[in-house]
Amino acid sequence: MSKINILSLQTKEFKEMCVKAGLKGFVATQVFEWVFKKSIVDFDKMPNISKANSQILAENFEILPFKSSESLDSKEDNAKKCMLTLNDGQIVECVILKEKDYYTLCVSSQVGCGVDCKFCLTGVAGFKRNLKVEEIVAQVIYANSEGYPISRLVFMGMGEPLLNLDSVINSIELMHQEDRLELSKRKVTVSTSGYLQGIKELIKREFYINLAFSVGSADPLKRAPIMPIENRNPIMEVAREIKRYQNLHNRKLTLEYTLLEGKNDSEFEIKSLVNLARYLDAKVNLINLNPHKKIPFRPVSEQKLKMIRDTIRVNQVPVTIRFKKGQDITAACGQLGESLLK
């Protein structure tokens, strides 16, 4: 008999299941307290639950939906890549990032990705399947249980979040609950390559979070070859929907721009990026390509990177350069998915 994962259950559901398994309903509340508030992921390590009850729990339920887990620590900076083998054998990767006084988790929404951005290794791996709610939440619980209390979440790992919108929204809502992680939605950022229907759905559902838009190029003709999603989701239509979304709440939009030498770094394309940023009242985050042998592009020089930053800044658009973390363990932006290629 397959075990029931508890991470996506509401308290009432879990109580009913506990009673059906021969336990008292309050055991469910105790378990959730240990898992979500104290980051304990083993029924045997919950002191106020008897040995008999923990055995019943272990026979009927699971906490982390993983067969196994591995991790790699960067020797260059404060990044840790986690490779989590799911119950069906698929592998999902997430990255723990140590900031000044808090931890951010770069979380995945899919196994692989079907959007096929040409500068992203996850796209090379291809799409395997969507992650379930519990598989998204489990990445956070796992990080917490390993001693990294996550306070910020960025959906910038494997997959296009808006192509798995139900699971992404439901996982965020669940983690936001008072009896769960109490994760503020203001500390959650969802990155998209520009899936038009997904943005419309966010508007329809009135679900407001920080949004980051991966641009690639603001010129449709240059964008399509490196981001094929452009062919069915034209950037200006996407921009109009994002503007509608932004007008419904007051959170700043980020335009993510991965720089590829000779592909999207011309004066014209940077000017187009500036115009897009002005239209959307957005800030720009420049990402110099993180190279990989399976990616057919090169990053721009440091001199060119700074020149582009200064050009954007002179045009009164807020701009930052993404600090590289985890490049030595293929955990930097655009590098996740290597475990799927082995």
C-alpha atoms as a PDB file:
ATOM      1  CA  MET A   1       0.000   0.000   0.000  1.00  0.00           C
ATOM      2  CA  SER A   2       1.414   3.394  -0.967  1.00  0.00           C
ATOM      3  CA  LYS A   3       1.784   5.910   1.817  1.00  0.00           C
ATOM      4  CA  ILE A   4      -0.096   9.201   1.891  1.00  0.00           C
ATOM      5  CA  ASN A   5       2.068  12.305   1.793  1.00  0.00           C
ATOM      6  CA  ILE A   6       1.004  14.773   4.482  1.00  0.00           C
ATOM      7  CA  LEU A   7       2.577  18.000   3.178  1.00  0.00           C
ATOM      8  CA  SER A   8      -0.326  19.005   0.938  1.00  0.00           C
ATOM      9  CA  LEU A   9      -3.067  17.957   3.381  1.00  0.00           C
ATOM     10  CA  GLN A  10      -5.201  20.426   5.280  1.00  0.00           C
ATOM     11  CA  THR A  11      -5.336  19.848   9.042  1.00  0.00           C
ATOM     12  CA  LYS A  12      -8.931  18.595   8.924  1.00  0.00           C
ATOM     13  CA  GLU A  13      -8.054  16.068   6.207  1.00  0.00           C
ATOM     14  CA  PHE A  14      -5.037  14.800   8.112  1.00  0.00           C
ATOM     15  CA  LYS A  15      -7.040  14.481  11.340  1.00  0.00           C
ATOM     16  CA  GLU A  16      -9.670  12.382   9.575  1.00  0.00           C
ATOM     17  CA  MET A  17      -6.980  10.152   8.084  1.00  0.00           C
ATOM     18  CA  CYS A  18      -5.290   9.750  11.462  1.00  0.00           C
ATOM     19  CA  VAL A  19      -8.567   8.654  13.048  1.00  0.00           C
ATOM     20  CA  LYS A  20      -9.133   6.202  10.205  1.00  0.00           C
ATOM     21  CA  ALA A  21      -5.657   4.760  10.893  1.00  0.00           C
ATOM     22  CA  GLY A  22      -6.528   4.251  14.569  1.00  0.00           C
ATOM     23  CA  LEU A  23      -5.005   7.422  16.019  1.00  0.00           C
ATOM     24  CA  LYS A  24      -6.514  10.347  17.905  1.00  0.00           C
ATOM     25  CA  GLY A  25      -7.218  13.403  15.783  1.00  0.00           C
ATOM     26  CA  PHE A  26      -4.907  15.637  17.831  1.00  0.00           C
ATOM     27  CA  VAL A  27      -1.912  13.606  16.624  1.00  0.00           C
ATOM     28  CA  ALA A  28      -2.264  15.355  13.255  1.00  0.00           C
ATOM     29  CA  THR A  29      -1.852  18.751  14.923  1.00  0.00           C
ATOM     30  CA  GLN A  30       1.205  17.496  16.806  1.00  0.00           C
ATOM     31  CA  VAL A  31       2.810  16.179  13.627  1.00  0.00           C
ATOM     32  CA  PHE A  32       2.217  19.408  11.698  1.00  0.00           C
ATOM     33  CA  GLU A  33       3.752  21.361  14.581  1.00  0.00           C
ATOM     34  CA  TRP A  34       6.916  19.255  14.410  1.00  0.00           C
ATOM     35  CA  VAL A  35       7.173  19.308  10.619  1.00  0.00           C
ATOM     36  CA  PHE A  36       6.300  22.915   9.812  1.00  0.00           C
ATOM     37  CA  LYS A  37       7.411  24.753  12.949  1.00  0.00           C
ATOM     38  CA  LYS A  38      10.358  22.662  14.152  1.00  0.00           C
ATOM     39  CA  SER A  39      11.569  21.118  10.874  1.00  0.00           C
ATOM     40  CA  ILE A  40      11.478  17.520  12.118  1.00  0.00           C
ATOM     41  CA  VAL A  41      10.897  15.084   9.244  1.00  0.00           C
ATOM     42  CA  ASP A  42      11.034  11.731  11.058  1.00  0.00           C
ATOM     43  CA  PHE A  43       8.012  10.476  13.027  1.00  0.00           C
ATOM     44  CA  ASP A  44      10.387   8.701  15.451  1.00  0.00           C
ATOM     45  CA  LYS A  45      11.965  12.021  16.435  1.00  0.00           C
ATOM     46  CA  MET A  46       8.774  13.679  17.681  1.00  0.00           C
ATOM     47  CA  PRO A  47       9.057  13.306  21.512  1.00  0.00           C
ATOM     48  CA  ASN A  48       5.399  13.875  22.400  1.00  0.00           C
ATOM     49  CA  ILE A  49       4.248  11.128  20.032  1.00  0.00           C
ATOM     50  CA  SER A  50       4.389   7.621  21.476  1.00  0.00           C
ATOM     51  CA  LYS A  51       6.428   4.885  19.838  1.00  0.00           C
ATOM     52  CA  ALA A  52       3.235   2.985  18.970  1.00  0.00           C
ATOM     53  CA  ASN A  53       1.691   6.060  17.363  1.00  0.00           C
ATOM     54  CA  SER A  54       4.854   6.932  15.437  1.00  0.00           C
ATOM     55  CA  GLN A  55       4.879   3.395  14.060  1.00  0.00           C
ATOM     56  CA  ILE A  56       1.276   3.744  12.849  1.00  0.00           C
ATOM     57  CA  LEU A  57       2.159   7.092  11.289  1.00  0.00           C
ATOM     58  CA  ALA A  58       5.207   5.644   9.524  1.00  0.00           C
ATOM     59  CA  GLU A  59       3.154   2.744   8.151  1.00  0.00           C
ATOM     60  CA  ASN A  60       0.467   4.997   6.680  1.00  0.00           C
ATOM     61  CA  PHE A  61       2.049   8.363   5.924  1.00  0.00           C
ATOM     62  CA  GLU A  62       5.211   9.983   4.590  1.00  0.00           C
ATOM     63  CA  ILE A  63       6.663  13.440   5.124  1.00  0.00           C
ATOM     64  CA  LEU A  64       9.312  13.911   2.426  1.00  0.00           C
ATOM     65  CA  PRO A  65       8.382  12.337  -0.945  1.00  0.00           C
ATOM     66  CA  PHE A  66      11.981  11.427  -1.710  1.00  0.00           C
ATOM     67  CA  LYS A  67      13.744   8.111  -2.156  1.00  0.00           C
ATOM     68  CA  SER A  68      17.082   9.748  -1.488  1.00  0.00           C
ATOM     69  CA  SER A  69      18.895  13.069  -1.401  1.00  0.00           C
ATOM     70  CA  GLU A  70      22.372  14.319  -2.265  1.00  0.00           C
ATOM     71  CA  SER A  71      23.944  17.735  -1.973  1.00  0.00           C
ATOM     72  CA  LEU A  72      26.951  19.669  -3.222  1.00  0.00           C
ATOM     73  CA  ASP A  73      28.482  22.651  -1.432  1.00  0.00           C
ATOM     74  CA  SER A  74      30.107  25.423  -3.427  1.00  0.00           C
ATOM     75  CA  LYS A  75      33.746  26.075  -2.565  1.00  0.00           C
ATOM     76  CA  GLU A  76      33.499  29.594  -3.958  1.00  0.00           C
ATOM     77  CA  ASP A  77      30.433  31.042  -2.231  1.00  0.00           C
ATOM     78  CA  ASN A  78      27.485  30.324   0.027  1.00  0.00           C
ATOM     79  CA  ALA A  79      25.479  28.013  -2.235  1.00  0.00           C
ATOM     80  CA  LYS A  80      24.335  24.436  -1.761  1.00  0.00           C
ATOM     81  CA  LYS A  81      22.741  22.368  -4.539  1.00  0.00           C
ATOM     82  CA  CYS A  82      20.334  19.629  -3.479  1.00  0.00           C
ATOM     83  CA  MET A  83      19.508  16.735  -5.807  1.00  0.00           C
ATOM     84  CA  LEU A  84      16.337  15.052  -4.610  1.00  0.00           C
ATOM     85  CA  THR A  85      15.231  11.715  -6.050  1.00  0.00           C
ATOM     86  CA  LEU A  86      11.440  11.571  -6.037  1.00  0.00           C
ATOM     87  CA  ASN A  87       9.400   8.446  -5.368  1.00  0.00           C
ATOM     88  CA  ASP A  88       9.060   7.689  -9.087  1.00  0.00           C
ATOM     89  CA  GLY A  89      12.821   7.984  -9.632  1.00  0.00           C
ATOM     90  CA  GLN A  90      12.763  11.431 -11.241  1.00  0.00           C
ATOM     91  CA  ILE A  91      15.286  13.932  -9.909  1.00  0.00           C
ATOM     92  CA  VAL A  92      14.571  17.524  -8.946  1.00  0.00           C
ATOM     93  CA  GLU A  93      17.192  20.109  -8.031  1.00  0.00           C
ATOM     94  CA  CYS A  94      16.957  23.132  -5.764  1.00  0.00           C
ATOM     95  CA  VAL A  95      19.574  25.558  -4.441  1.00  0.00           C
ATOM     96  CA  ILE A  96      20.027  26.999  -0.955  1.00  0.00           C
ATOM     97  CA  LEU A  97      21.563  30.480  -1.041  1.00  0.00           C
ATOM     98  CA  LYS A  98      23.057  32.060   2.068  1.00  0.00           C
ATOM     99  CA  GLU A  99      22.552  35.803   2.111  1.00  0.00           C
ATOM    100  CA  LYS A 100      23.800  38.225   4.796  1.00  0.00           C
ATOM    101  CA  ASP A 101      21.490  37.102   7.569  1.00  0.00           C
ATOM    102  CA  TYR A 102      18.916  34.841   5.919  1.00  0.00           C
ATOM    103  CA  TYR A 103      18.504  31.928   3.520  1.00  0.00           C
ATOM    104  CA  THR A 104      16.807  31.950   0.124  1.00  0.00           C
ATOM    105  CA  LEU A 105      15.705  28.770  -1.638  1.00  0.00           C
ATOM    106  CA  CYS A 106      15.728  28.591  -5.419  1.00  0.00           C
ATOM    107  CA  VAL A 107      12.895  26.115  -5.859  1.00  0.00           C
ATOM    108  CA  SER A 108      11.828  23.997  -8.848  1.00  0.00           C
ATOM    109  CA  SER A 109       8.281  23.677 -10.177  1.00  0.00           C
ATOM    110  CA  GLN A 110       8.856  20.953 -12.785  1.00  0.00           C
ATOM    111  CA  VAL A 111      11.208  18.062 -13.459  1.00  0.00           C
ATOM    112  CA  GLY A 112      13.103  19.455 -16.429  1.00  0.00           C
ATOM    113  CA  CYS A 113      11.524  22.114 -18.642  1.00  0.00           C
ATOM    114  CA  GLY A 114       9.834  22.155 -22.035  1.00  0.00           C
ATOM    115  CA  VAL A 115      10.196  25.872 -22.784  1.00  0.00           C
ATOM    116  CA  ASP A 116      13.634  25.235 -24.315  1.00  0.00           C
ATOM    117  CA  CYS A 117      15.399  28.544 -23.689  1.00  0.00           C
ATOM    118  CA  LYS A 118      18.640  28.000 -25.578  1.00  0.00           C
ATOM    119  CA  PHE A 119      20.821  29.468 -22.818  1.00  0.00           C
ATOM    120  CA  CYS A 120      19.413  27.231 -20.061  1.00  0.00           C
ATOM    121  CA  LEU A 121      20.638  23.728 -19.224  1.00  0.00           C
ATOM    122  CA  THR A 122      17.248  22.693 -17.831  1.00  0.00           C
ATOM    123  CA  GLY A 123      15.802  23.193 -21.300  1.00  0.00           C
ATOM    124  CA  VAL A 124      18.441  20.858 -22.734  1.00  0.00           C
ATOM    125  CA  ALA A 125      17.228  18.193 -20.294  1.00  0.00           C
ATOM    126  CA  GLY A 126      13.676  18.538 -21.640  1.00  0.00           C
ATOM    127  CA  PHE A 127      10.369  18.276 -19.818  1.00  0.00           C
ATOM    128  CA  LYS A 128       9.665  15.195 -17.690  1.00  0.00           C
ATOM    129  CA  ARG A 129       6.636  16.147 -15.593  1.00  0.00           C
ATOM    130  CA  ASN A 130       5.063  18.753 -13.327  1.00  0.00           C
ATOM    131  CA  LEU A 131       5.777  18.668  -9.621  1.00  0.00           C
ATOM    132  CA  LYS A 132       2.942  18.039  -7.185  1.00  0.00           C
ATOM    133  CA  VAL A 133       2.162  20.492  -4.379  1.00  0.00           C
ATOM    134  CA  GLU A 134       3.850  18.278  -1.785  1.00  0.00           C
ATOM    135  CA  GLU A 135       6.971  17.975  -3.973  1.00  0.00           C
ATOM    136  CA  ILE A 136       7.322  21.757  -4.114  1.00  0.00           C
ATOM    137  CA  VAL A 137       6.671  22.240  -0.389  1.00  0.00           C
ATOM    138  CA  ALA A 138       9.042  19.356   0.405  1.00  0.00           C
ATOM    139  CA  GLN A 139      11.992  21.255  -1.069  1.00  0.00           C
ATOM    140  CA  VAL A 140      11.492  23.957   1.567  1.00  0.00           C
ATOM    141  CA  ILE A 141      10.879  21.480   4.396  1.00  0.00           C
ATOM    142  CA  TYR A 142      14.008  19.562   3.388  1.00  0.00           C
ATOM    143  CA  ALA A 143      16.155  22.719   3.443  1.00  0.00           C
ATOM    144  CA  ASN A 144      14.734  23.692   6.842  1.00  0.00           C
ATOM    145  CA  SER A 145      15.400  20.210   8.224  1.00  0.00           C
ATOM    146  CA  GLU A 146      19.025  20.390   7.056  1.00  0.00           C
ATOM    147  CA  GLY A 147      19.593  23.480   9.184  1.00  0.00           C
ATOM    148  CA  TYR A 148      18.875  26.204   6.626  1.00  0.00           C
ATOM    149  CA  PRO A 149      15.763  28.119   7.773  1.00  0.00           C
ATOM    150  CA  ILE A 150      14.306  29.471   4.539  1.00  0.00           C
ATOM    151  CA  SER A 151      12.759  32.938   4.697  1.00  0.00           C
ATOM    152  CA  ARG A 152      12.660  33.797   0.984  1.00  0.00           C
ATOM    153  CA  LEU A 153      11.548  31.697  -1.949  1.00  0.00           C
ATOM    154  CA  VAL A 154      12.327  32.183  -5.643  1.00  0.00           C
ATOM    155  CA  PHE A 155      10.721  29.972  -8.282  1.00  0.00           C
ATOM    156  CA  MET A 156      13.813  30.141 -10.468  1.00  0.00           C
ATOM    157  CA  GLY A 157      14.858  26.499 -10.371  1.00  0.00           C
ATOM    158  CA  MET A 158      13.866  23.834 -12.882  1.00  0.00           C
ATOM    159  CA  GLY A 159      10.741  24.442 -14.949  1.00  0.00           C
ATOM    160  CA  GLU A 160       8.365  27.201 -16.065  1.00  0.00           C
ATOM    161  CA  PRO A 161       6.205  27.928 -12.978  1.00  0.00           C
ATOM    162  CA  LEU A 162       3.255  29.297 -14.963  1.00  0.00           C
ATOM    163  CA  LEU A 163       2.965  25.976 -16.821  1.00  0.00           C
ATOM    164  CA  ASN A 164       2.328  24.294 -13.464  1.00  0.00           C
ATOM    165  CA  LEU A 165       0.253  27.106 -12.045  1.00  0.00           C
ATOM    166  CA  ASP A 166      -2.163  25.118  -9.868  1.00  0.00           C
ATOM    167  CA  SER A 167       0.622  23.402  -7.942  1.00  0.00           C
ATOM    168  CA  VAL A 168       2.657  26.607  -7.651  1.00  0.00           C
ATOM    169  CA  ILE A 169      -0.258  28.675  -6.336  1.00  0.00           C
ATOM    170  CA  ASN A 170      -1.488  25.943  -3.996  1.00  0.00           C
ATOM    171  CA  SER A 171       2.001  25.382  -2.573  1.00  0.00           C
ATOM    172  CA  ILE A 172       2.495  29.109  -1.933  1.00  0.00           C
ATOM    173  CA  GLU A 173      -0.944  29.389  -0.316  1.00  0.00           C
ATOM    174  CA  LEU A 174      -0.242  26.371   1.866  1.00  0.00           C
ATOM    175  CA  MET A 175       3.171  27.624   3.021  1.00  0.00           C
ATOM    176  CA  HIS A 176       1.588  31.005   3.773  1.00  0.00           C
ATOM    177  CA  GLN A 177      -0.877  29.492   6.262  1.00  0.00           C
ATOM    178  CA  GLU A 178      -0.466  30.366   9.943  1.00  0.00           C
ATOM    179  CA  ASP A 179      -0.267  26.721  11.028  1.00  0.00           C
ATOM    180  CA  ARG A 180       2.366  25.947   8.370  1.00  0.00           C
ATOM    181  CA  LEU A 181       5.424  28.050   7.517  1.00  0.00           C
ATOM    182  CA  GLU A 182       3.787  31.503   7.658  1.00  0.00           C
ATOM    183  CA  LEU A 183       5.837  32.433   4.601  1.00  0.00           C
ATOM    184  CA  SER A 184       4.944  35.955   3.502  1.00  0.00           C
ATOM    185  CA  LYS A 185       3.872  36.214  -0.138  1.00  0.00           C
ATOM    186  CA  ARG A 186       5.989  39.359  -0.312  1.00  0.00           C
ATOM    187  CA  LYS A 187       9.011  37.117   0.131  1.00  0.00           C
ATOM    188  CA  VAL A 188       8.074  34.882  -2.802  1.00  0.00           C
ATOM    189  CA  THR A 189       9.171  35.617  -6.386  1.00  0.00           C
ATOM    190  CA  VAL A 190       7.955  33.680  -9.406  1.00  0.00           C
ATOM    191  CA  SER A 191      10.049  33.876 -12.560  1.00  0.00           C
ATOM    192  CA  THR A 192       8.472  33.312 -15.966  1.00  0.00           C
ATOM    193  CA  SER A 193       9.762  33.151 -19.517  1.00  0.00           C
ATOM    194  CA  GLY A 194       6.531  34.828 -20.580  1.00  0.00           C
ATOM    195  CA  TYR A 195       3.679  32.325 -20.706  1.00  0.00           C
ATOM    196  CA  LEU A 196       0.744  34.536 -21.683  1.00  0.00           C
ATOM    197  CA  GLN A 197      -2.110  32.338 -20.449  1.00  0.00           C
ATOM    198  CA  GLY A 198      -0.424  31.917 -17.079  1.00  0.00           C
ATOM    199  CA  ILE A 199      -0.220  35.674 -16.526  1.00  0.00           C
ATOM    200  CA  LYS A 200      -3.878  36.035 -17.514  1.00  0.00           C
ATOM    201  CA  GLU A 201      -4.713  33.311 -15.014  1.00  0.00           C
ATOM    202  CA  LEU A 202      -2.845  35.142 -12.229  1.00  0.00           C
ATOM    203  CA  ILE A 203      -4.995  38.191 -12.975  1.00  0.00           C
ATOM    204  CA  LYS A 204      -8.192  36.133 -13.076  1.00  0.00           C
ATOM    205  CA  ARG A 205      -7.411  34.468  -9.742  1.00  0.00           C
ATOM    206  CA  GLU A 206      -6.260  37.759  -8.183  1.00  0.00           C
ATOM    207  CA  PHE A 207      -3.130  36.000  -6.973  1.00  0.00           C
ATOM    208  CA  TYR A 208      -0.441  38.588  -6.335  1.00  0.00           C
ATOM    209  CA  ILE A 209       3.227  37.791  -5.840  1.00  0.00           C
ATOM    210  CA  ASN A 210       6.530  39.302  -6.951  1.00  0.00           C
ATOM    211  CA  LEU A 211       7.003  38.573 -10.629  1.00  0.00           C
ATOM    212  CA  ALA A 212      10.251  38.310 -12.583  1.00  0.00           C
ATOM    213  CA  PHE A 213      10.164  38.203 -16.376  1.00  0.00           C
ATOM    214  CA  SER A 214      13.009  36.513 -18.264  1.00  0.00           C
ATOM    215  CA  VAL A 215      13.388  38.650 -21.379  1.00  0.00           C
ATOM    216  CA  GLY A 216      16.252  37.156 -23.405  1.00  0.00           C
ATOM    217  CA  SER A 217      15.798  39.963 -25.908  1.00  0.00           C
ATOM    218  CA  ALA A 218      13.228  42.742 -26.140  1.00  0.00           C
ATOM    219  CA  ASP A 219      13.414  42.451 -29.940  1.00  0.00           C
ATOM    220  CA  PRO A 220      10.939  39.728 -31.041  1.00  0.00           C
ATOM    221  CA  LEU A 221      13.068  38.733 -34.040  1.00  0.00           C
ATOM    222  CA  LYS A 222      16.135  38.237 -31.857  1.00  0.00           C
ATOM    223  CA  ARG A 223      14.164  36.701 -29.008  1.00  0.00           C
ATOM    224  CA  ALA A 224      12.493  33.854 -30.903  1.00  0.00           C
ATOM    225  CA  PRO A 225      15.702  31.948 -31.806  1.00  0.00           C
ATOM    226  CA  ILE A 226      16.962  31.934 -28.204  1.00  0.00           C
ATOM    227  CA  MET A 227      13.545  31.741 -26.495  1.00  0.00           C
ATOM    228  CA  PRO A 228      11.129  29.752 -28.692  1.00  0.00           C
ATOM    229  CA  ILE A 229       8.251  30.626 -26.341  1.00  0.00           C
ATOM    230  CA  GLU A 230       8.194  33.936 -28.248  1.00  0.00           C
ATOM    231  CA  ASN A 231       6.586  32.207 -31.240  1.00  0.00           C
ATOM    232  CA  ARG A 232       3.296  31.601 -29.408  1.00  0.00           C
ATOM    233  CA  ASN A 233       3.656  34.230 -26.692  1.00  0.00           C
ATOM    234  CA  PRO A 234       4.775  37.486 -28.376  1.00  0.00           C
ATOM    235  CA  ILE A 235       6.728  39.665 -25.999  1.00  0.00           C
ATOM    236  CA  MET A 236       4.596  42.780 -26.453  1.00  0.00           C
ATOM    237  CA  GLU A 237       1.396  40.860 -25.714  1.00  0.00           C
ATOM    238  CA  VAL A 238       3.087  39.399 -22.652  1.00  0.00           C
ATOM    239  CA  ALA A 239       4.235  42.889 -21.615  1.00  0.00           C
ATOM    240  CA  ARG A 240       0.690  44.255 -21.874  1.00  0.00           C
ATOM    241  CA  GLU A 241      -0.657  41.475 -19.647  1.00  0.00           C
ATOM    242  CA  ILE A 242       2.165  41.952 -17.157  1.00  0.00           C
ATOM    243  CA  LYS A 243       1.379  45.679 -17.053  1.00  0.00           C
ATOM    244  CA  ARG A 244      -2.254  44.824 -16.279  1.00  0.00           C
ATOM    245  CA  TYR A 245      -1.061  42.521 -13.518  1.00  0.00           C
ATOM    246  CA  GLN A 246       1.318  45.120 -12.089  1.00  0.00           C
ATOM    247  CA  ASN A 247      -1.424  47.758 -12.047  1.00  0.00           C
ATOM    248  CA  LEU A 248      -3.445  45.556  -9.693  1.00  0.00           C
ATOM    249  CA  HIS A 249      -0.813  45.626  -6.953  1.00  0.00           C
ATOM    250  CA  ASN A 250       2.210  47.723  -6.019  1.00  0.00           C
ATOM    251  CA  ARG A 251       5.060  45.236  -6.208  1.00  0.00           C
ATOM    252  CA  LYS A 252       8.016  46.035  -8.420  1.00  0.00           C
ATOM    253  CA  LEU A 253       8.584  43.887 -11.494  1.00  0.00           C
ATOM    254  CA  THR A 254      12.055  42.575 -12.318  1.00  0.00           C
ATOM    255  CA  LEU A 255      13.240  42.020 -15.881  1.00  0.00           C
ATOM    256  CA  GLU A 256      15.874  39.281 -15.969  1.00  0.00           C
ATOM    257  CA  TYR A 257      18.267  39.643 -18.876  1.00  0.00           C
ATOM    258  CA  THR A 258      20.793  36.895 -19.579  1.00  0.00           C
ATOM    259  CA  LEU A 259      23.632  38.336 -21.633  1.00  0.00           C
ATOM    260  CA  LEU A 260      24.957  36.274 -24.543  1.00  0.00           C
ATOM    261  CA  GLU A 261      27.996  37.525 -26.421  1.00  0.00           C
ATOM    262  CA  GLY A 262      27.042  38.655 -29.922  1.00  0.00           C
ATOM    263  CA  LYS A 263      23.407  37.586 -29.553  1.00  0.00           C
ATOM    264  CA  ASN A 264      21.582  40.131 -27.394  1.00  0.00           C
ATOM    265  CA  ASP A 265      24.216  42.648 -26.290  1.00  0.00           C
ATOM    266  CA  SER A 266      24.033  45.202 -29.118  1.00  0.00           C
ATOM    267  CA  GLU A 267      23.312  48.870 -28.515  1.00  0.00           C
ATOM    268  CA  PHE A 268      19.920  48.505 -30.213  1.00  0.00           C
ATOM    269  CA  GLU A 269      18.890  45.588 -28.018  1.00  0.00           C
ATOM    270  CA  ILE A 270      19.928  47.320 -24.808  1.00  0.00           C
ATOM    271  CA  LYS A 271      17.919  50.359 -25.900  1.00  0.00           C
ATOM    272  CA  SER A 272      14.923  48.055 -26.528  1.00  0.00           C
ATOM    273  CA  LEU A 273      15.389  46.605 -23.040  1.00  0.00           C
ATOM    274  CA  VAL A 274      15.419  50.105 -21.548  1.00  0.00           C
ATOM    275  CA  ASN A 275      12.187  50.963 -23.376  1.00  0.00           C
ATOM    276  CA  LEU A 276      10.540  47.770 -22.115  1.00  0.00           C
ATOM    277  CA  ALA A 277      11.658  48.494 -18.555  1.00  0.00           C
ATOM    278  CA  ARG A 278      10.236  52.011 -18.763  1.00  0.00           C
ATOM    279  CA  TYR A 279       6.935  50.746 -20.158  1.00  0.00           C
ATOM    280  CA  LEU A 280       6.617  48.238 -17.312  1.00  0.00           C
ATOM    281  CA  ASP A 281       8.152  50.508 -14.651  1.00  0.00           C
ATOM    282  CA  ALA A 282      10.521  47.631 -13.927  1.00  0.00           C
ATOM    283  CA  LYS A 283      14.018  47.178 -12.616  1.00  0.00           C
ATOM    284  CA  VAL A 284      16.563  45.212 -14.655  1.00  0.00           C
ATOM    285  CA  ASN A 285      18.656  42.348 -13.326  1.00  0.00           C
ATOM    286  CA  LEU A 286      21.577  41.572 -15.641  1.00  0.00           C
ATOM    287  CA  ILE A 287      22.742  37.948 -15.632  1.00  0.00           C
ATOM    288  CA  ASN A 288      25.971  37.215 -17.431  1.00  0.00           C
ATOM    289  CA  LEU A 289      25.608  33.752 -18.952  1.00  0.00           C
ATOM    290  CA  ASN A 290      26.783  30.891 -16.758  1.00  0.00           C
ATOM    291  CA  PRO A 291      28.560  28.744 -19.364  1.00  0.00           C
ATOM    292  CA  HIS A 292      28.233  24.991 -19.799  1.00  0.00           C
ATOM    293  CA  LYS A 293      29.600  22.671 -22.481  1.00  0.00           C
ATOM    294  CA  LYS A 294      26.049  21.898 -23.650  1.00  0.00           C
ATOM    295  CA  ILE A 295      25.125  25.575 -24.046  1.00  0.00           C
ATOM    296  CA  PRO A 296      26.296  27.066 -27.404  1.00  0.00           C
ATOM    297  CA  PHE A 297      26.837  30.630 -26.141  1.00  0.00           C
ATOM    298  CA  ARG A 298      29.432  32.638 -24.263  1.00  0.00           C
ATOM    299  CA  PRO A 299      29.097  35.346 -21.612  1.00  0.00           C
ATOM    300  CA  VAL A 300      30.052  38.926 -22.391  1.00  0.00           C
ATOM    301  CA  SER A 301      33.267  40.375 -20.968  1.00  0.00           C
ATOM    302  CA  GLU A 302      33.237  42.042 -17.547  1.00  0.00           C
ATOM    303  CA  GLN A 303      33.959  45.345 -19.280  1.00  0.00           C
ATOM    304  CA  LYS A 304      30.945  44.916 -21.597  1.00  0.00           C
ATOM    305  CA  LEU A 305      28.757  43.856 -18.672  1.00  0.00           C
ATOM    306  CA  LYS A 306      29.568  47.014 -16.725  1.00  0.00           C
ATOM    307  CA  MET A 307      29.140  49.173 -19.828  1.00  0.00           C
ATOM    308  CA  ILE A 308      25.645  47.751 -20.396  1.00  0.00           C
ATOM    309  CA  ARG A 309      24.785  48.314 -16.732  1.00  0.00           C
ATOM    310  CA  ASP A 310      25.950  51.926 -16.943  1.00  0.00           C
ATOM    311  CA  THR A 311      23.990  52.501 -20.170  1.00  0.00           C
ATOM    312  CA  ILE A 312      20.796  51.297 -18.513  1.00  0.00           C
ATOM    313  CA  ARG A 313      21.496  53.349 -15.389  1.00  0.00           C
ATOM    314  CA  VAL A 314      22.090  56.537 -17.403  1.00  0.00           C
ATOM    315  CA  ASN A 315      18.604  56.049 -18.850  1.00  0.00           C
ATOM    316  CA  GLN A 316      17.142  56.259 -15.333  1.00  0.00           C
ATOM    317  CA  VAL A 317      16.202  52.581 -15.104  1.00  0.00           C
ATOM    318  CA  PRO A 318      17.118  50.745 -11.862  1.00  0.00           C
ATOM    319  CA  VAL A 319      19.633  48.020 -12.693  1.00  0.00           C
ATOM    320  CA  THR A 320      21.670  45.411 -10.838  1.00  0.00           C
ATOM    321  CA  ILE A 321      24.110  42.691 -11.854  1.00  0.00           C
ATOM    322  CA  ARG A 322      23.232  39.222 -10.568  1.00  0.00           C
ATOM    323  CA  PHE A 323      25.978  38.024  -8.253  1.00  0.00           C
ATOM    324  CA  LYS A 324      27.053  34.563  -9.375  1.00  0.00           C
ATOM    325  CA  LYS A 325      26.579  31.819  -6.801  1.00  0.00           C
ATOM    326  CA  GLY A 326      27.139  28.092  -7.175  1.00  0.00           C
ATOM    327  CA  GLN A 327      28.765  28.177 -10.603  1.00  0.00           C
ATOM    328  CA  ASP A 328      31.409  25.642  -9.549  1.00  0.00           C
ATOM    329  CA  ILE A 329      28.694  23.080  -8.703  1.00  0.00           C
ATOM    330  CA  THR A 330      26.442  23.903 -11.707  1.00  0.00           C
ATOM    331  CA  ALA A 331      23.934  25.551  -9.388  1.00  0.00           C
ATOM    332  CA  ALA A 332      23.988  29.063 -10.856  1.00  0.00           C
ATOM    333  CA  CYS A 333      21.199  30.590 -12.931  1.00  0.00           C
ATOM    334  CA  GLY A 334      20.512  28.456 -16.022  1.00  0.00           C
ATOM    335  CA  GLN A 335      22.666  25.540 -14.862  1.00  0.00           C
ATOM    336  CA  LEU A 336      20.169  23.272 -13.099  1.00  0.00           C
ATOM    337  CA  GLY A 337      19.273  19.957 -14.687  1.00  0.00           C
ATOM    338  CA  GLU A 338      22.665  18.328 -15.055  1.00  0.00           C
ATOM    339  CA  SER A 339      21.501  15.344 -12.984  1.00  0.00           C
ATOM    340  CA  LEU A 340      18.831  14.671 -15.645  1.00  0.00           C
ATOM    341  CA  LEU A 341      21.465  14.442 -18.384  1.00  0.00           C
ATOM    342  CA  LYS A 342      23.499  11.647 -16.813  1.00  0.00           C
END
